[in-house]
Amino acid sequence: MMTTYILKLLFLVPLVAGMAFGALWLWRKAQPGLALGQRERAVKLVDAIPLGATGRLAVVEFADKRLLISVSRGQVQLISEGPLPEVDEK
């Protein structure tokens, strides 16, 4: 009786763990609103620097501009904006 229980346990625990892992992997790959492949994003995070416990200074690219923004827990503020840098192709 006890041997049957242990054999079932040794078989079912890895099976359930594998099914949970597979479900989480599939959920990450096919999240709602996201395409299965990589797509081009309208906004690109270039760099971010933490400022204290909850603040962050970030540079993002959007609509052929680079924006310097301050992000805190309660707000997002535009600090400065400028053109995208020219890329030298040699």
N, C-alpha and C. Protein backbone atom coordinates (compact mmCIF):
# COMPACT_ATOMS: atom_id res chain seq x y z
N MET A 1 0.83 -1.18 0.00
CA MET A 1 0.00 0.00 0.00
C MET A 1 0.88 1.26 0.00
N MET A 2 1.87 1.30 0.89
CA MET A 2 2.74 2.45 0.99
C MET A 2 3.64 2.57 -0.23
N THR A 3 4.06 1.45 -0.81
CA THR A 3 4.91 1.46 -1.99
C THR A 3 4.17 2.06 -3.18
N THR A 4 2.90 1.74 -3.32
CA THR A 4 2.09 2.30 -4.41
C THR A 4 1.98 3.81 -4.27
N TYR A 5 1.77 4.27 -3.06
CA TYR A 5 1.66 5.71 -2.79
C TYR A 5 2.96 6.42 -3.14
N ILE A 6 4.08 5.88 -2.75
CA ILE A 6 5.38 6.51 -3.03
C ILE A 6 5.67 6.50 -4.53
N LEU A 7 5.34 5.42 -5.23
CA LEU A 7 5.53 5.38 -6.69
C LEU A 7 4.67 6.41 -7.39
N LYS A 8 3.41 6.56 -6.96
CA LYS A 8 2.55 7.59 -7.55
C LYS A 8 3.11 8.98 -7.27
N LEU A 9 3.60 9.20 -6.07
CA LEU A 9 4.17 10.48 -5.69
C LEU A 9 5.40 10.80 -6.52
N LEU A 10 6.28 9.82 -6.70
CA LEU A 10 7.49 10.02 -7.50
C LEU A 10 7.19 10.28 -8.96
N PHE A 11 6.06 9.81 -9.45
CA PHE A 11 5.67 10.02 -10.83
C PHE A 11 4.88 11.32 -11.01
N LEU A 12 3.95 11.59 -10.11
CA LEU A 12 3.04 12.72 -10.30
C LEU A 12 3.65 14.07 -9.94
N VAL A 13 4.52 14.14 -8.94
CA VAL A 13 5.10 15.43 -8.56
C VAL A 13 5.93 16.03 -9.70
N PRO A 14 6.85 15.28 -10.34
CA PRO A 14 7.56 15.86 -11.48
C PRO A 14 6.63 16.17 -12.66
N LEU A 15 5.60 15.37 -12.85
CA LEU A 15 4.66 15.62 -13.94
C LEU A 15 3.92 16.94 -13.72
N VAL A 16 3.43 17.18 -12.52
CA VAL A 16 2.72 18.42 -12.23
C VAL A 16 3.67 19.61 -12.29
N ALA A 17 4.89 19.45 -11.78
CA ALA A 17 5.88 20.53 -11.86
C ALA A 17 6.23 20.86 -13.31
N GLY A 18 6.38 19.85 -14.13
CA GLY A 18 6.65 20.09 -15.55
C GLY A 18 5.50 20.77 -16.26
N MET A 19 4.28 20.39 -15.92
CA MET A 19 3.12 21.04 -16.52
C MET A 19 3.02 22.50 -16.08
N ALA A 20 3.32 22.79 -14.82
CA ALA A 20 3.31 24.18 -14.33
C ALA A 20 4.38 25.00 -15.05
N PHE A 21 5.59 24.43 -15.17
CA PHE A 21 6.66 25.13 -15.87
C PHE A 21 6.28 25.39 -17.33
N GLY A 22 5.71 24.39 -17.99
CA GLY A 22 5.29 24.55 -19.39
C GLY A 22 4.20 25.59 -19.55
N ALA A 23 3.26 25.64 -18.63
CA ALA A 23 2.19 26.63 -18.71
C ALA A 23 2.74 28.04 -18.52
N LEU A 24 3.66 28.22 -17.58
CA LEU A 24 4.26 29.54 -17.38
C LEU A 24 5.11 29.96 -18.57
N TRP A 25 5.84 29.03 -19.15
CA TRP A 25 6.64 29.34 -20.34
C TRP A 25 5.74 29.74 -21.51
N LEU A 26 4.66 29.00 -21.70
CA LEU A 26 3.73 29.31 -22.78
C LEU A 26 3.04 30.65 -22.55
N TRP A 27 2.69 30.95 -21.31
CA TRP A 27 2.05 32.22 -21.00
C TRP A 27 2.99 33.38 -21.31
N ARG A 28 4.28 33.23 -20.98
CA ARG A 28 5.25 34.28 -21.27
C ARG A 28 5.42 34.49 -22.77
N LYS A 29 5.41 33.41 -23.54
CA LYS A 29 5.60 33.50 -24.98
C LYS A 29 4.38 34.06 -25.70
N ALA A 30 3.20 33.81 -25.20
CA ALA A 30 1.98 34.21 -25.90
C ALA A 30 1.10 35.07 -25.00
N GLN A 31 1.68 36.09 -24.38
CA GLN A 31 0.89 36.97 -23.53
C GLN A 31 -0.12 37.73 -24.36
N PRO A 32 -1.26 38.03 -23.79
CA PRO A 32 -2.27 38.81 -24.53
C PRO A 32 -1.72 40.17 -24.91
N GLY A 33 -1.96 40.57 -26.15
CA GLY A 33 -1.51 41.86 -26.63
C GLY A 33 -0.13 41.87 -27.22
N LEU A 34 0.59 40.78 -27.12
CA LEU A 34 1.93 40.72 -27.68
C LEU A 34 1.97 39.69 -28.80
N ALA A 35 2.67 40.02 -29.85
CA ALA A 35 2.84 39.07 -30.94
C ALA A 35 3.83 37.99 -30.52
N LEU A 36 3.76 36.84 -31.14
CA LEU A 36 4.69 35.76 -30.79
C LEU A 36 6.12 36.10 -31.19
N GLY A 37 6.30 36.86 -32.24
CA GLY A 37 7.63 37.26 -32.66
C GLY A 37 7.98 38.64 -32.12
N GLN A 38 9.19 39.08 -32.39
CA GLN A 38 9.59 40.41 -31.96
C GLN A 38 9.01 41.43 -32.92
N ARG A 39 8.55 42.53 -32.37
CA ARG A 39 8.01 43.59 -33.20
C ARG A 39 8.76 44.88 -32.90
N GLU A 40 8.71 45.81 -33.83
CA GLU A 40 9.37 47.09 -33.61
C GLU A 40 8.50 47.94 -32.69
N ARG A 41 9.11 48.50 -31.67
CA ARG A 41 8.38 49.30 -30.69
C ARG A 41 8.44 50.78 -31.06
N ALA A 42 7.40 51.52 -30.70
CA ALA A 42 7.37 52.95 -30.97
C ALA A 42 8.25 53.71 -29.99
N VAL A 43 8.41 53.18 -28.79
CA VAL A 43 9.22 53.83 -27.75
C VAL A 43 10.37 52.89 -27.40
N LYS A 44 11.59 53.45 -27.33
CA LYS A 44 12.76 52.64 -26.99
C LYS A 44 13.47 53.28 -25.80
N LEU A 45 13.72 52.51 -24.76
CA LEU A 45 14.46 52.97 -23.60
C LEU A 45 15.95 52.89 -23.92
N VAL A 46 16.62 54.03 -23.91
CA VAL A 46 18.04 54.09 -24.24
C VAL A 46 18.88 53.85 -22.99
N ASP A 47 18.56 54.55 -21.90
CA ASP A 47 19.33 54.41 -20.67
C ASP A 47 18.48 54.87 -19.50
N ALA A 48 18.76 54.36 -18.32
CA ALA A 48 18.05 54.76 -17.10
C ALA A 48 19.01 54.72 -15.94
N ILE A 49 18.89 55.73 -15.07
CA ILE A 49 19.75 55.83 -13.89
C ILE A 49 18.85 56.01 -12.67
N PRO A 50 19.05 55.18 -11.64
CA PRO A 50 18.23 55.35 -10.43
C PRO A 50 18.59 56.63 -9.69
N LEU A 51 17.57 57.30 -9.17
CA LEU A 51 17.75 58.50 -8.34
C LEU A 51 17.04 58.25 -7.02
N GLY A 52 17.75 57.78 -6.05
CA GLY A 52 17.13 57.49 -4.76
C GLY A 52 16.38 56.18 -4.78
N ALA A 53 15.46 56.04 -3.82
CA ALA A 53 14.75 54.78 -3.66
C ALA A 53 13.67 54.55 -4.70
N THR A 54 12.96 55.61 -5.11
CA THR A 54 11.83 55.41 -6.02
C THR A 54 11.94 56.20 -7.31
N GLY A 55 12.94 57.05 -7.46
CA GLY A 55 13.05 57.87 -8.66
C GLY A 55 14.00 57.28 -9.68
N ARG A 56 13.87 57.75 -10.91
CA ARG A 56 14.71 57.27 -11.99
C ARG A 56 14.78 58.37 -13.05
N LEU A 57 15.94 58.52 -13.63
CA LEU A 57 16.15 59.43 -14.74
C LEU A 57 16.35 58.56 -15.98
N ALA A 58 15.56 58.80 -17.03
CA ALA A 58 15.59 57.91 -18.19
C ALA A 58 15.68 58.71 -19.48
N VAL A 59 16.35 58.11 -20.45
CA VAL A 59 16.40 58.65 -21.82
C VAL A 59 15.65 57.67 -22.70
N VAL A 60 14.63 58.18 -23.42
CA VAL A 60 13.85 57.35 -24.32
C VAL A 60 13.86 57.96 -25.71
N GLU A 61 13.74 57.10 -26.72
CA GLU A 61 13.61 57.55 -28.10
C GLU A 61 12.16 57.39 -28.52
N PHE A 62 11.61 58.47 -29.08
CA PHE A 62 10.22 58.45 -29.54
C PHE A 62 10.05 59.49 -30.63
N ALA A 63 9.48 59.10 -31.74
CA ALA A 63 9.15 60.00 -32.85
C ALA A 63 10.36 60.82 -33.29
N ASP A 64 11.47 60.16 -33.56
CA ASP A 64 12.71 60.80 -34.03
C ASP A 64 13.23 61.85 -33.06
N LYS A 65 12.99 61.64 -31.77
CA LYS A 65 13.50 62.54 -30.73
C LYS A 65 14.02 61.70 -29.58
N ARG A 66 14.95 62.28 -28.83
CA ARG A 66 15.39 61.69 -27.57
C ARG A 66 14.82 62.54 -26.46
N LEU A 67 14.15 61.89 -25.52
CA LEU A 67 13.51 62.59 -24.42
C LEU A 67 14.18 62.21 -23.11
N LEU A 68 14.51 63.20 -22.30
CA LEU A 68 15.03 62.97 -20.96
C LEU A 68 13.86 63.15 -20.01
N ILE A 69 13.51 62.09 -19.29
CA ILE A 69 12.35 62.15 -18.41
C ILE A 69 12.74 61.74 -16.99
N SER A 70 12.00 62.28 -16.05
CA SER A 70 12.16 61.92 -14.65
C SER A 70 10.95 61.09 -14.26
N VAL A 71 11.20 59.90 -13.72
CA VAL A 71 10.13 58.99 -13.36
C VAL A 71 10.19 58.76 -11.86
N SER A 72 9.09 59.06 -11.17
CA SER A 72 9.00 58.78 -9.75
C SER A 72 7.74 57.97 -9.51
N ARG A 73 7.48 57.67 -8.26
CA ARG A 73 6.34 56.83 -7.94
C ARG A 73 5.02 57.47 -8.38
N GLY A 74 4.92 58.78 -8.26
CA GLY A 74 3.65 59.43 -8.54
C GLY A 74 3.55 60.17 -9.87
N GLN A 75 4.67 60.36 -10.58
CA GLN A 75 4.59 61.15 -11.80
C GLN A 75 5.74 60.86 -12.76
N VAL A 76 5.52 61.29 -14.00
CA VAL A 76 6.55 61.25 -15.04
C VAL A 76 6.64 62.67 -15.59
N GLN A 77 7.85 63.24 -15.60
CA GLN A 77 8.04 64.61 -16.05
C GLN A 77 9.05 64.68 -17.18
N LEU A 78 8.73 65.44 -18.21
CA LEU A 78 9.66 65.69 -19.30
C LEU A 78 10.64 66.76 -18.86
N ILE A 79 11.93 66.46 -18.91
CA ILE A 79 12.95 67.42 -18.51
C ILE A 79 13.52 68.12 -19.73
N SER A 80 13.84 67.35 -20.77
CA SER A 80 14.44 67.93 -21.96
C SER A 80 14.18 67.03 -23.15
N GLU A 81 14.25 67.60 -24.34
CA GLU A 81 14.15 66.79 -25.56
C GLU A 81 15.13 67.30 -26.59
N GLY A 82 15.57 66.39 -27.44
CA GLY A 82 16.52 66.74 -28.47
C GLY A 82 16.43 65.78 -29.63
N PRO A 83 17.12 66.09 -30.73
CA PRO A 83 17.08 65.21 -31.90
C PRO A 83 17.89 63.93 -31.66
N LEU A 84 17.62 62.92 -32.47
CA LEU A 84 18.42 61.70 -32.43
C LEU A 84 19.82 62.03 -32.93
N PRO A 85 20.84 61.44 -32.35
CA PRO A 85 22.21 61.69 -32.85
C PRO A 85 22.40 61.08 -34.22
N GLU A 86 23.21 61.74 -35.02
CA GLU A 86 23.54 61.24 -36.35
C GLU A 86 24.47 60.05 -36.23
N VAL A 87 24.25 59.02 -37.04
CA VAL A 87 25.08 57.83 -37.03
C VAL A 87 25.99 57.86 -38.23
N ASP A 88 27.32 57.80 -37.98
CA ASP A 88 28.30 57.76 -39.06
C ASP A 88 28.42 56.35 -39.59
N GLU A 89 28.13 56.15 -40.85
CA GLU A 89 28.26 54.82 -41.47
C GLU A 89 29.49 54.85 -42.35
N LYS A 90 30.50 54.10 -41.99
CA LYS A 90 31.75 54.08 -42.76
C LYS A 90 31.95 52.76 -43.40
